[in-house]
PDB file of N, CA and C in Angstrom:
ATOM      1  N   UNK A   1       1.049  12.314 -11.218  1.00  0.00           N
ATOM      2  CA  UNK A   1      -0.129  11.575 -10.836  1.00  0.00           C
ATOM      3  C   UNK A   1      -0.958  12.684  -9.474  1.00  0.00           C
ATOM      4  N   UNK A   2      -1.579  13.207  -9.725  1.00  0.00           N
ATOM      5  CA  UNK A   2      -2.184  13.793  -8.310  1.00  0.00           C
ATOM      6  C   UNK A   2      -2.323  12.880  -7.142  1.00  0.00           C
ATOM      7  N   UNK A   3      -2.403  13.528  -6.133  1.00  0.00           N
ATOM      8  CA  UNK A   3      -2.716  13.478  -4.676  1.00  0.00           C
ATOM      9  C   UNK A   3      -4.244  12.663  -4.701  1.00  0.00           C
ATOM     10  N   UNK A   4      -5.334  12.761  -5.678  1.00  0.00           N
ATOM     11  CA  UNK A   4      -6.485  12.231  -5.287  1.00  0.00           C
ATOM     12  C   UNK A   4      -6.475  10.879  -5.786  1.00  0.00           C
ATOM     13  N   UNK A   5      -5.462  10.566  -6.230  1.00  0.00           N
ATOM     14  CA  UNK A   5      -4.858   8.984  -7.120  1.00  0.00           C
ATOM     15  C   UNK A   5      -4.365   8.208  -6.328  1.00  0.00           C
ATOM     16  N   UNK A   6      -4.092   9.236  -5.109  1.00  0.00           N
ATOM     17  CA  UNK A   6      -2.936   8.151  -4.482  1.00  0.00           C
ATOM     18  C   UNK A   6      -3.554   8.027  -2.643  1.00  0.00           C
ATOM     19  N   UNK A   7      -4.626   8.985  -2.253  1.00  0.00           N
ATOM     20  CA  UNK A   7      -5.034   8.906  -0.909  1.00  0.00           C
ATOM     21  C   UNK A   7      -6.224   9.478  -1.351  1.00  0.00           C
ATOM     22  N   UNK A   8      -7.585   9.153  -0.540  1.00  0.00           N
ATOM     23  CA  UNK A   8      -8.393   8.853  -0.942  1.00  0.00           C
ATOM     24  C   UNK A   8      -9.167   9.819   0.387  1.00  0.00           C
ATOM     25  N   UNK A   9      -9.160  11.187   0.852  1.00  0.00           N
ATOM     26  CA  UNK A   9      -9.068  12.314   1.840  1.00  0.00           C
ATOM     27  C   UNK A   9     -10.371  11.854   2.455  1.00  0.00           C
ATOM     28  N   UNK A  10     -11.114  11.847   0.769  1.00  0.00           N
ATOM     29  CA  UNK A  10     -12.920  11.618   1.734  1.00  0.00           C
ATOM     30  C   UNK A  10     -12.796  10.356   2.260  1.00  0.00           C
ATOM     31  N   UNK A  11     -12.164   9.935   2.049  1.00  0.00           N
ATOM     32  CA  UNK A  11     -12.941   7.970   2.846  1.00  0.00           C
ATOM     33  C   UNK A  11     -12.068   8.267   3.776  1.00  0.00           C
ATOM     34  N   UNK A  12     -10.728   8.556   4.053  1.00  0.00           N
ATOM     35  CA  UNK A  12      -9.856   8.843   5.331  1.00  0.00           C
ATOM     36  C   UNK A  12     -10.920   9.293   6.107  1.00  0.00           C
ATOM     37  N   UNK A  13     -11.467  10.557   5.703  1.00  0.00           N
ATOM     38  CA  UNK A  13     -12.263  11.433   6.818  1.00  0.00           C
ATOM     39  C   UNK A  13     -13.424  10.616   7.547  1.00  0.00           C
ATOM     40  N   UNK A  14     -14.109   9.483   6.960  1.00  0.00           N
ATOM     41  CA  UNK A  14     -15.026   8.733   7.726  1.00  0.00           C
ATOM     42  C   UNK A  14     -14.479   8.323   8.378  1.00  0.00           C
ATOM     43  N   UNK A  15     -13.136   8.168   8.943  1.00  0.00           N
ATOM     44  CA  UNK A  15     -12.915   7.310  10.350  1.00  0.00           C
ATOM     45  C   UNK A  15     -11.979   8.781  11.116  1.00  0.00           C
ATOM     46  N   UNK A  16     -12.277   9.664  10.655  1.00  0.00           N
ATOM     47  CA  UNK A  16     -11.435  10.704  11.777  1.00  0.00           C
ATOM     48  C   UNK A  16     -11.625  11.971  11.443  1.00  0.00           C
ATOM     49  N   UNK A  17     -13.203  12.048  11.123  1.00  0.00           N
ATOM     50  CA  UNK A  17     -14.403  13.144  11.417  1.00  0.00           C
ATOM     51  C   UNK A  17     -13.441  14.819  10.988  1.00  0.00           C
ATOM     52  N   UNK A  18     -12.517  14.261  10.755  1.00  0.00           N
ATOM     53  CA  UNK A  18     -11.383  16.093  10.478  1.00  0.00           C
ATOM     54  C   UNK A  18     -10.679  16.634  11.195  1.00  0.00           C
ATOM     55  N   UNK A  19     -10.966  15.299  12.066  1.00  0.00           N
ATOM     56  CA  UNK A  19      -9.679  15.840  13.229  1.00  0.00           C
ATOM     57  C   UNK A  19      -8.093  15.345  12.274  1.00  0.00           C
ATOM     58  N   UNK A  20      -6.997  16.591  12.259  1.00  0.00           N
ATOM     59  CA  UNK A  20      -5.938  16.394  11.932  1.00  0.00           C
ATOM     60  C   UNK A  20      -5.240  15.359  11.974  1.00  0.00           C
ATOM     61  N   UNK A  21      -4.901  15.796  13.572  1.00  0.00           N
ATOM     62  CA  UNK A  21      -4.011  15.108  14.193  1.00  0.00           C
ATOM     63  C   UNK A  21      -3.674  13.743  14.830  1.00  0.00           C
ATOM     64  N   UNK A  22      -5.797  13.106  14.299  1.00  0.00           N
ATOM     65  CA  UNK A  22      -6.122  11.545  14.363  1.00  0.00           C
ATOM     66  C   UNK A  22      -6.202  11.712  12.522  1.00  0.00           C
ATOM     67  N   UNK A  23      -6.106  12.209  12.017  1.00  0.00           N
ATOM     68  CA  UNK A  23      -5.680  11.499  10.250  1.00  0.00           C
ATOM     69  C   UNK A  23      -4.137  11.531  10.007  1.00  0.00           C
ATOM     70  N   UNK A  24      -3.070  12.576  10.914  1.00  0.00           N
ATOM     71  CA  UNK A  24      -2.112  12.358  10.628  1.00  0.00           C
ATOM     72  C   UNK A  24      -1.444  10.940  11.152  1.00  0.00           C
ATOM     73  N   UNK A  25      -2.355  10.923  12.584  1.00  0.00           N
ATOM     74  CA  UNK A  25      -1.514   9.497  13.138  1.00  0.00           C
ATOM     75  C   UNK A  25      -1.784   8.234  12.413  1.00  0.00           C
ATOM     76  N   UNK A  26      -2.949   8.097  11.718  1.00  0.00           N
ATOM     77  CA  UNK A  26      -3.919   7.383  11.208  1.00  0.00           C
ATOM     78  C   UNK A  26      -2.173   6.894   9.525  1.00  0.00           C
ATOM     79  N   UNK A  27      -2.314   7.854   9.262  1.00  0.00           N
ATOM     80  CA  UNK A  27      -1.342   7.657   8.015  1.00  0.00           C
ATOM     81  C   UNK A  27       0.128   7.555   8.153  1.00  0.00           C
ATOM     82  N   UNK A  28       0.377   7.522   9.601  1.00  0.00           N
ATOM     83  CA  UNK A  28       2.234   7.192  10.443  1.00  0.00           C
ATOM     84  C   UNK A  28       2.303   5.809  10.801  1.00  0.00           C
ATOM     85  N   UNK A  29       0.752   5.455  11.003  1.00  0.00           N
ATOM     86  CA  UNK A  29       0.684   3.942  11.111  1.00  0.00           C
ATOM     87  C   UNK A  29       0.905   3.457  10.100  1.00  0.00           C
ATOM     88  N   UNK A  30       0.249   3.553   9.226  1.00  0.00           N
ATOM     89  CA  UNK A  30       0.115   3.133   7.802  1.00  0.00           C
ATOM     90  C   UNK A  30       1.381   3.321   6.918  1.00  0.00           C
ATOM     91  N   UNK A  31       1.910   4.573   7.150  1.00  0.00           N
ATOM     92  CA  UNK A  31       3.544   4.286   6.193  1.00  0.00           C
ATOM     93  C   UNK A  31       4.597   3.246   7.073  1.00  0.00           C
ATOM     94  N   UNK A  32       4.635   3.321   8.520  1.00  0.00           N
ATOM     95  CA  UNK A  32       4.959   2.249   9.070  1.00  0.00           C
ATOM     96  C   UNK A  32       4.988   0.779   8.310  1.00  0.00           C
ATOM     97  N   UNK A  33       4.044   0.242   8.403  1.00  0.00           N
ATOM     98  CA  UNK A  33       2.974  -1.160   8.138  1.00  0.00           C
ATOM     99  C   UNK A  33       3.159  -1.021   6.582  1.00  0.00           C
ATOM    100  N   UNK A  34       3.569   0.110   5.495  1.00  0.00           N
ATOM    101  CA  UNK A  34       3.411  -0.267   4.640  1.00  0.00           C
ATOM    102  C   UNK A  34       4.482  -0.899   4.066  1.00  0.00           C
ATOM    103  N   UNK A  35       5.739   0.636   4.953  1.00  0.00           N
ATOM    104  CA  UNK A  35       7.326  -0.275   4.472  1.00  0.00           C
ATOM    105  C   UNK A  35       7.369  -1.700   4.569  1.00  0.00           C
ATOM    106  N   UNK A  36       7.057  -1.974   5.969  1.00  0.00           N
ATOM    107  CA  UNK A  36       7.088  -3.103   6.818  1.00  0.00           C
ATOM    108  C   UNK A  36       6.765  -4.760   5.969  1.00  0.00           C
ATOM    109  N   UNK A  37       5.361  -4.412   5.438  1.00  0.00           N
ATOM    110  CA  UNK A  37       4.537  -5.277   4.693  1.00  0.00           C
ATOM    111  C   UNK A  37       5.242  -5.495   3.623  1.00  0.00           C
ATOM    112  N   UNK A  38       5.423  -4.172   2.832  1.00  0.00           N
ATOM    113  CA  UNK A  38       5.797  -4.398   1.342  1.00  0.00           C
ATOM    114  C   UNK A  38       7.675  -4.624   1.095  1.00  0.00           C
ATOM    115  N   UNK A  39       8.053  -5.003   2.475  1.00  0.00           N
ATOM    116  CA  UNK A  39       9.479  -5.805   2.908  1.00  0.00           C
ATOM    117  C   UNK A  39       9.867  -7.183   2.511  1.00  0.00           C
ATOM    118  N   UNK A  40       8.516  -7.644   2.748  1.00  0.00           N
ATOM    119  CA  UNK A  40       8.129  -8.927   3.156  1.00  0.00           C
ATOM    120  C   UNK A  40       7.809  -9.388   1.802  1.00  0.00           C
ATOM    121  N   UNK A  41       7.448  -8.520   0.801  1.00  0.00           N
ATOM    122  CA  UNK A  41       7.598  -9.436  -0.506  1.00  0.00           C
ATOM    123  C   UNK A  41       8.810  -9.542  -1.074  1.00  0.00           C
ATOM    124  N   UNK A  42       8.540 -10.690  -1.739  1.00  0.00           N
ATOM    125  CA  UNK A  42      10.183 -11.324  -1.862  1.00  0.00           C
ATOM    126  C   UNK A  42       9.518 -12.036  -3.209  1.00  0.00           C
ATOM    127  N   UNK A  43       9.512 -12.236  -4.365  1.00  0.00           N
ATOM    128  CA  UNK A  43       9.424 -12.538  -5.438  1.00  0.00           C
ATOM    129  C   UNK A  43       9.654 -14.621  -5.664  1.00  0.00           C
ATOM    130  N   UNK A  44      10.761 -14.961  -4.789  1.00  0.00           N
ATOM    131  CA  UNK A  44      11.568 -16.561  -5.068  1.00  0.00           C
ATOM    132  C   UNK A  44      10.502 -17.105  -3.710  1.00  0.00           C
ATOM    133  N   UNK A  45       9.652 -15.752  -2.973  1.00  0.00           N
ATOM    134  CA  UNK A  45       8.609 -16.946  -1.522  1.00  0.00           C
ATOM    135  C   UNK A  45       7.518 -17.317  -1.583  1.00  0.00           C
ATOM    136  N   UNK A  46       7.278 -18.226  -1.108  1.00  0.00           N
ATOM    137  CA  UNK A  46       6.639 -19.360  -0.881  1.00  0.00           C
ATOM    138  C   UNK A  46       5.112 -18.531  -0.934  1.00  0.00           C
ATOM    139  N   UNK A  47       4.663 -19.573  -1.952  1.00  0.00           N
ATOM    140  CA  UNK A  47       2.997 -18.740  -2.042  1.00  0.00           C
ATOM    141  C   UNK A  47       2.107 -18.400  -0.792  1.00  0.00           C
ATOM    142  N   UNK A  48       2.459 -18.968   0.379  1.00  0.00           N
ATOM    143  CA  UNK A  48       1.221 -18.412   1.342  1.00  0.00           C
ATOM    144  C   UNK A  48       1.672 -17.404   2.012  1.00  0.00           C
ATOM    145  N   UNK A  49       3.224 -16.967   1.745  1.00  0.00           N
ATOM    146  CA  UNK A  49       4.205 -16.148   2.770  1.00  0.00           C
ATOM    147  C   UNK A  49       3.736 -14.311   1.749  1.00  0.00           C
ATOM    148  N   UNK A  50       3.993 -15.107   0.239  1.00  0.00           N
ATOM    149  CA  UNK A  50       3.711 -13.652  -1.092  1.00  0.00           C
ATOM    150  C   UNK A  50       2.344 -12.390  -0.663  1.00  0.00           C
ATOM    151  N   UNK A  51       1.122 -14.320  -1.035  1.00  0.00           N
ATOM    152  CA  UNK A  51       0.102 -14.550  -0.832  1.00  0.00           C
ATOM    153  C   UNK A  51      -0.272 -13.517   0.219  1.00  0.00           C
ATOM    154  N   UNK A  52       0.077 -13.491   1.455  1.00  0.00           N
ATOM    155  CA  UNK A  52      -0.056 -12.990   3.038  1.00  0.00           C
ATOM    156  C   UNK A  52       0.198 -11.224   3.093  1.00  0.00           C
ATOM    157  N   UNK A  53       1.622 -11.067   2.337  1.00  0.00           N
ATOM    158  CA  UNK A  53       2.097  -9.905   2.455  1.00  0.00           C
ATOM    159  C   UNK A  53       1.473  -8.883   1.628  1.00  0.00           C
ATOM    160  N   UNK A  54       1.287  -9.815   0.421  1.00  0.00           N
ATOM    161  CA  UNK A  54       0.132  -9.034  -0.475  1.00  0.00           C
ATOM    162  C   UNK A  54      -1.486  -8.234   0.005  1.00  0.00           C
ATOM    163  N   UNK A  55      -1.513  -9.402   1.062  1.00  0.00           N
ATOM    164  CA  UNK A  55      -3.242  -9.362   1.603  1.00  0.00           C
ATOM    165  C   UNK A  55      -3.150  -7.629   2.677  1.00  0.00           C
ATOM    166  N   UNK A  56      -2.025  -8.011   4.122  1.00  0.00           N
ATOM    167  CA  UNK A  56      -1.618  -7.371   4.763  1.00  0.00           C
ATOM    168  C   UNK A  56      -2.139  -5.855   4.049  1.00  0.00           C
ATOM    169  N   UNK A  57      -0.992  -5.580   2.671  1.00  0.00           N
ATOM    170  CA  UNK A  57      -1.103  -4.610   2.139  1.00  0.00           C
ATOM    171  C   UNK A  57      -1.721  -3.914   1.720  1.00  0.00           C
ATOM    172  N   UNK A  58      -2.350  -4.881   1.855  1.00  0.00           N
ATOM    173  CA  UNK A  58      -3.621  -4.532   0.539  1.00  0.00           C
ATOM    174  C   UNK A  58      -4.410  -4.010   1.642  1.00  0.00           C
ATOM    175  N   UNK A  59      -5.327  -4.812   2.870  1.00  0.00           N
ATOM    176  CA  UNK A  59      -6.065  -4.374   3.201  1.00  0.00           C
ATOM    177  C   UNK A  59      -5.558  -3.061   4.334  1.00  0.00           C
ATOM    178  N   UNK A  60      -3.907  -2.546   4.570  1.00  0.00           N
ATOM    179  CA  UNK A  60      -4.514  -1.535   5.484  1.00  0.00           C
ATOM    180  C   UNK A  60      -3.588  -0.112   4.157  1.00  0.00           C
ATOM    181  N   UNK A  61      -3.516  -0.122   2.709  1.00  0.00           N
ATOM    182  CA  UNK A  61      -3.460   0.299   1.715  1.00  0.00           C
ATOM    183  C   UNK A  61      -4.900   1.064   1.088  1.00  0.00           C
ATOM    184  N   UNK A  62      -5.719   0.409   1.625  1.00  0.00           N
ATOM    185  CA  UNK A  62      -7.587  -0.176   1.476  1.00  0.00           C
ATOM    186  C   UNK A  62      -7.674   1.180   2.065  1.00  0.00           C
ATOM    187  N   UNK A  63      -7.579   0.666   4.145  1.00  0.00           N
ATOM    188  CA  UNK A  63      -7.980   1.515   4.822  1.00  0.00           C
ATOM    189  C   UNK A  63      -7.868   3.087   5.042  1.00  0.00           C
ATOM    190  N   UNK A  64      -7.030   3.218   4.531  1.00  0.00           N
ATOM    191  CA  UNK A  64      -6.267   5.229   4.149  1.00  0.00           C
ATOM    192  C   UNK A  64      -7.087   5.455   2.794  1.00  0.00           C
ATOM    193  N   UNK A  65      -7.146   4.444   1.918  1.00  0.00           N
ATOM    194  CA  UNK A  65      -7.863   5.165   0.667  1.00  0.00           C
ATOM    195  C   UNK A  65      -6.984   5.022  -0.250  1.00  0.00           C
ATOM    196  N   UNK A  66      -5.889   4.093  -0.027  1.00  0.00           N
ATOM    197  CA  UNK A  66      -4.668   4.312  -0.996  1.00  0.00           C
ATOM    198  C   UNK A  66      -5.408   2.893  -2.185  1.00  0.00           C
ATOM    199  N   UNK A  67      -5.854   3.492  -2.836  1.00  0.00           N
ATOM    200  CA  UNK A  67      -6.531   2.533  -3.815  1.00  0.00           C
ATOM    201  C   UNK A  67      -6.369   2.136  -4.960  1.00  0.00           C
ATOM    202  N   UNK A  68      -5.583   2.759  -5.212  1.00  0.00           N
ATOM    203  CA  UNK A  68      -3.926   2.270  -6.240  1.00  0.00           C
ATOM    204  C   UNK A  68      -3.222   1.145  -5.390  1.00  0.00           C
ATOM    205  N   UNK A  69      -2.556   1.677  -4.505  1.00  0.00           N
ATOM    206  CA  UNK A  69      -1.457   0.485  -4.053  1.00  0.00           C
ATOM    207  C   UNK A  69      -2.341  -0.560  -4.221  1.00  0.00           C
ATOM    208  N   UNK A  70      -3.803  -0.616  -2.940  1.00  0.00           N
ATOM    209  CA  UNK A  70      -4.408  -1.575  -2.456  1.00  0.00           C
ATOM    210  C   UNK A  70      -4.847  -2.588  -4.059  1.00  0.00           C
ATOM    211  N   UNK A  71      -4.779  -1.539  -4.829  1.00  0.00           N
ATOM    212  CA  UNK A  71      -5.460  -2.981  -6.970  1.00  0.00           C
ATOM    213  C   UNK A  71      -3.702  -3.561  -6.805  1.00  0.00           C
ATOM    214  N   UNK A  72      -3.192  -2.625  -6.483  1.00  0.00           N
ATOM    215  CA  UNK A  72      -1.740  -3.937  -6.986  1.00  0.00           C
ATOM    216  C   UNK A  72      -1.438  -4.447  -5.839  1.00  0.00           C
ATOM    217  N   UNK A  73      -1.817  -4.197  -4.953  1.00  0.00           N
ATOM    218  CA  UNK A  73      -1.776  -5.781  -3.837  1.00  0.00           C
ATOM    219  C   UNK A  73      -3.291  -6.374  -4.499  1.00  0.00           C
ATOM    220  N   UNK A  74      -3.809  -6.174  -4.611  1.00  0.00           N
ATOM    221  CA  UNK A  74      -4.832  -6.628  -5.513  1.00  0.00           C
ATOM    222  C   UNK A  74      -3.937  -8.378  -6.568  1.00  0.00           C
ATOM    223  N   UNK A  75      -3.567  -7.227  -7.336  1.00  0.00           N
ATOM    224  CA  UNK A  75      -3.353  -8.496  -8.346  1.00  0.00           C
ATOM    225  C   UNK A  75      -2.470  -9.556  -8.020  1.00  0.00           C
ATOM    226  N   UNK A  76      -0.990  -8.743  -6.558  1.00  0.00           N
ATOM    227  CA  UNK A  76      -0.182  -9.013  -6.103  1.00  0.00           C
ATOM    228  C   UNK A  76      -0.382 -10.336  -5.303  1.00  0.00           C
ATOM    229  N   UNK A  77      -1.180 -10.342  -4.781  1.00  0.00           N
ATOM    230  CA  UNK A  77      -1.640 -12.357  -3.877  1.00  0.00           C
ATOM    231  C   UNK A  77      -2.532 -12.610  -5.121  1.00  0.00           C
ATOM    232  N   UNK A  78      -2.936 -12.778  -6.444  1.00  0.00           N
ATOM    233  CA  UNK A  78      -3.184 -14.029  -7.453  1.00  0.00           C
ATOM    234  C   UNK A  78      -2.089 -14.655  -7.888  1.00  0.00           C
ATOM    235  N   UNK A  79      -0.808 -14.045  -7.964  1.00  0.00           N
ATOM    236  CA  UNK A  79       0.800 -14.611  -8.757  1.00  0.00           C
ATOM    237  C   UNK A  79       0.895 -15.464  -7.309  1.00  0.00           C
ATOM    238  N   UNK A  80       0.137 -16.595  -7.556  1.00  0.00           N
ATOM    239  CA  UNK A  80       0.534 -18.361  -7.012  1.00  0.00           C
ATOM    240  C   UNK A  80       0.388 -18.838  -7.745  1.00  0.00           C
ATOM    241  N   UNK A  81       1.154 -19.476  -7.616  1.00  0.00           N
ATOM    242  CA  UNK A  81       1.202 -21.140  -8.419  1.00  0.00           C
ATOM    243  C   UNK A  81       1.542 -21.395  -9.708  1.00  0.00           C
ATOM    244  N   UNK A  82       2.647 -20.178 -10.074  1.00  0.00           N
ATOM    245  CA  UNK A  82       2.316 -19.575 -11.249  1.00  0.00           C
ATOM    246  C   UNK A  82       3.797 -20.699 -11.631  1.00  0.00           C
ATOM    247  N   UNK A  83       3.747 -20.627 -13.059  1.00  0.00           N
ATOM    248  CA  UNK A  83       5.447 -20.878 -12.909  1.00  0.00           C
ATOM    249  C   UNK A  83       6.408 -20.011 -13.580  1.00  0.00           C
ATOM    250  N   UNK A  84       5.592 -19.343 -13.946  1.00  0.00           N
ATOM    251  CA  UNK A  84       7.077 -18.304 -14.331  1.00  0.00           C
ATOM    252  C   UNK A  84       6.526 -17.019 -13.088  1.00  0.00           C
ATOM    253  N   UNK A  85       5.357 -16.976 -11.752  1.00  0.00           N
ATOM    254  CA  UNK A  85       5.638 -15.922 -11.083  1.00  0.00           C
ATOM    255  C   UNK A  85       6.818 -15.087 -10.497  1.00  0.00           C
ATOM    256  N   UNK A  86       7.565 -15.672 -10.487  1.00  0.00           N
ATOM    257  CA  UNK A  86       9.214 -15.464  -9.944  1.00  0.00           C
ATOM    258  C   UNK A  86       9.198 -13.712 -11.580  1.00  0.00           C
ATOM    259  N   UNK A  87       9.122 -13.791 -11.874  1.00  0.00           N
ATOM    260  CA  UNK A  87       9.170 -13.062 -12.947  1.00  0.00           C
ATOM    261  C   UNK A  87       7.949 -12.310 -13.328  1.00  0.00           C
ATOM    262  N   UNK A  88       7.226 -12.316 -12.796  1.00  0.00           N
ATOM    263  CA  UNK A  88       6.230 -11.787 -12.838  1.00  0.00           C
ATOM    264  C   UNK A  88       5.761 -11.125 -11.464  1.00  0.00           C
ATOM    265  N   UNK A  89       5.989 -11.542 -10.183  1.00  0.00           N
ATOM    266  CA  UNK A  89       6.351 -10.663  -8.867  1.00  0.00           C
ATOM    267  C   UNK A  89       7.590  -9.645  -8.824  1.00  0.00           C
ATOM    268  N   UNK A  90       8.537 -10.292  -9.746  1.00  0.00           N
ATOM    269  CA  UNK A  90       8.903  -8.512  -9.711  1.00  0.00           C
ATOM    270  C   UNK A  90       8.923  -7.668 -10.329  1.00  0.00           C
ATOM    271  N   UNK A  91       8.577  -8.174 -11.773  1.00  0.00           N
ATOM    272  CA  UNK A  91       7.808  -6.498 -12.109  1.00  0.00           C
ATOM    273  C   UNK A  91       6.529  -6.426 -11.720  1.00  0.00           C
ATOM    274  N   UNK A  92       5.547  -6.592 -10.584  1.00  0.00           N
ATOM    275  CA  UNK A  92       4.975  -5.739 -10.025  1.00  0.00           C
ATOM    276  C   UNK A  92       5.120  -5.442  -8.873  1.00  0.00           C
ATOM    277  N   UNK A  93       6.387  -6.005  -8.232  1.00  0.00           N
ATOM    278  CA  UNK A  93       6.567  -5.785  -7.690  1.00  0.00           C
ATOM    279  C   UNK A  93       7.313  -4.736  -7.191  1.00  0.00           C
ATOM    280  N   UNK A  94       8.004  -4.437  -8.752  1.00  0.00           N
ATOM    281  CA  UNK A  94       8.724  -3.358  -8.846  1.00  0.00           C
ATOM    282  C   UNK A  94       7.708  -1.970  -9.279  1.00  0.00           C
ATOM    283  N   UNK A  95       6.057  -1.967  -9.721  1.00  0.00           N
ATOM    284  CA  UNK A  95       5.742  -0.735  -9.742  1.00  0.00           C
ATOM    285  C   UNK A  95       4.552  -0.717  -8.762  1.00  0.00           C
ATOM    286  N   UNK A  96       4.514  -2.084  -7.689  1.00  0.00           N
ATOM    287  CA  UNK A  96       4.016  -1.905  -6.500  1.00  0.00           C
ATOM    288  C   UNK A  96       4.881  -1.216  -5.570  1.00  0.00           C
ATOM    289  N   UNK A  97       6.341  -1.311  -5.463  1.00  0.00           N
ATOM    290  CA  UNK A  97       7.078   0.050  -4.577  1.00  0.00           C
ATOM    291  C   UNK A  97       7.525   1.143  -5.463  1.00  0.00           C
ATOM    292  N   UNK A  98       7.033   1.588  -6.581  1.00  0.00           N
ATOM    293  CA  UNK A  98       7.055   2.870  -7.268  1.00  0.00           C
ATOM    294  C   UNK A  98       5.839   3.316  -6.527  1.00  0.00           C
ATOM    295  N   UNK A  99       4.311   3.098  -6.038  1.00  0.00           N
ATOM    296  CA  UNK A  99       3.665   3.530  -6.328  1.00  0.00           C
ATOM    297  C   UNK A  99       3.788   3.470  -4.322  1.00  0.00           C
ATOM    298  N   UNK A 100       4.361   2.714  -3.643  1.00  0.00           N
ATOM    299  CA  UNK A 100       3.978   3.245  -2.142  1.00  0.00           C
ATOM    300  C   UNK A 100       4.980   3.935  -1.997  1.00  0.00           C
ATOM    301  N   UNK A 101       5.703   4.459  -2.761  1.00  0.00           N
ATOM    302  CA  UNK A 101       6.715   5.533  -2.786  1.00  0.00           C
ATOM    303  C   UNK A 101       6.464   6.710  -2.729  1.00  0.00           C
ATOM    304  N   UNK A 102       5.425   7.040  -3.804  1.00  0.00           N
ATOM    305  CA  UNK A 102       4.960   8.034  -4.022  1.00  0.00           C
ATOM    306  C   UNK A 102       3.903   8.134  -3.620  1.00  0.00           C
ATOM    307  N   UNK A 103       3.536   7.354  -2.818  1.00  0.00           N
ATOM    308  CA  UNK A 103       2.153   7.056  -1.685  1.00  0.00           C
ATOM    309  C   UNK A 103       2.679   7.724  -0.520  1.00  0.00           C
ATOM    310  N   UNK A 104       3.720   7.378   0.059  1.00  0.00           N
ATOM    311  CA  UNK A 104       4.134   7.742   1.662  1.00  0.00           C
ATOM    312  C   UNK A 104       4.570   8.864   1.403  1.00  0.00           C
ATOM    313  N   UNK A 105       5.486   9.638  -0.265  1.00  0.00           N
ATOM    314  CA  UNK A 105       5.456  11.128  -0.295  1.00  0.00           C
ATOM    315  C   UNK A 105       4.780  12.091   0.097  1.00  0.00           C
ATOM    316  N   UNK A 106       2.840  11.265  -0.778  1.00  0.00           N
ATOM    317  CA  UNK A 106       1.898  12.372  -0.866  1.00  0.00           C
ATOM    318  C   UNK A 106       1.815  12.522   1.541  1.00  0.00           C
ATOM    319  N   UNK A 107       1.800  11.082   1.572  1.00  0.00           N
ATOM    320  CA  UNK A 107       1.286  11.687   3.654  1.00  0.00           C
ATOM    321  C   UNK A 107       2.545  12.096   3.947  1.00  0.00           C
ATOM    322  N   UNK A 108       3.705  12.158   3.508  1.00  0.00           N
ATOM    323  CA  UNK A 108       4.420  13.205   4.386  1.00  0.00           C
ATOM    324  C   UNK A 108       4.262  14.518   3.774  1.00  0.00           C
ATOM    325  N   UNK A 109       3.449  14.769   2.428  1.00  0.00           N
ATOM    326  CA  UNK A 109       3.485  15.936   2.358  1.00  0.00           C
ATOM    327  C   UNK A 109       2.210  16.158   2.874  1.00  0.00           C
ATOM    328  N   UNK A 110       1.131  16.266   3.055  1.00  0.00           N
ATOM    329  CA  UNK A 110      -0.150  15.854   3.441  1.00  0.00           C
ATOM    330  C   UNK A 110       0.308  16.292   5.103  1.00  0.00           C
ATOM    331  N   UNK A 111       1.004  15.700   6.024  1.00  0.00           N
ATOM    332  CA  UNK A 111       1.775  15.790   7.495  1.00  0.00           C
ATOM    333  C   UNK A 111       2.362  17.454   7.171  1.00  0.00           C
ATOM    334  N   UNK A 112       3.079  17.678   6.241  1.00  0.00           N
ATOM    335  CA  UNK A 112       4.092  18.524   6.616  1.00  0.00           C
ATOM    336  C   UNK A 112       3.280  19.415   6.695  1.00  0.00           C
ATOM    337  N   UNK A 113       2.132  19.746   5.490  1.00  0.00           N
ATOM    338  CA  UNK A 113       1.349  21.065   5.428  1.00  0.00           C
ATOM    339  C   UNK A 113       0.212  21.003   6.026  1.00  0.00           C
ATOM    340  N   UNK A 114      -0.078  20.095   7.169  1.00  0.00           N
ATOM    341  CA  UNK A 114      -1.031  20.224   8.608  1.00  0.00           C
ATOM    342  C   UNK A 114      -0.066  21.348   9.139  1.00  0.00           C
TER     343      UNK A 114
END
């Protein structure tokens, strides 16, 4: 998976205007938020808690241009009120966490390269 698939730096640059320190600060905040919200995604959670955590993580991901992670969160938001939701949620959560780890690893590489 390439860096372009994980973080859209052109999108992020709209907010930071080439300021690498600001970019790194925003990515650090995202990293903290992503870990917190992903930790709240529990396949057996009530619908509202699941949807709220997925929605918050989606917004944070899209804010930094992590489109793939944002899309997975958008899919997660729809997994409410389903008879088999735990199994479907668990499968999606595995993919979401993998993509989240890869995205955070890319963020760390970007910060280390600065």
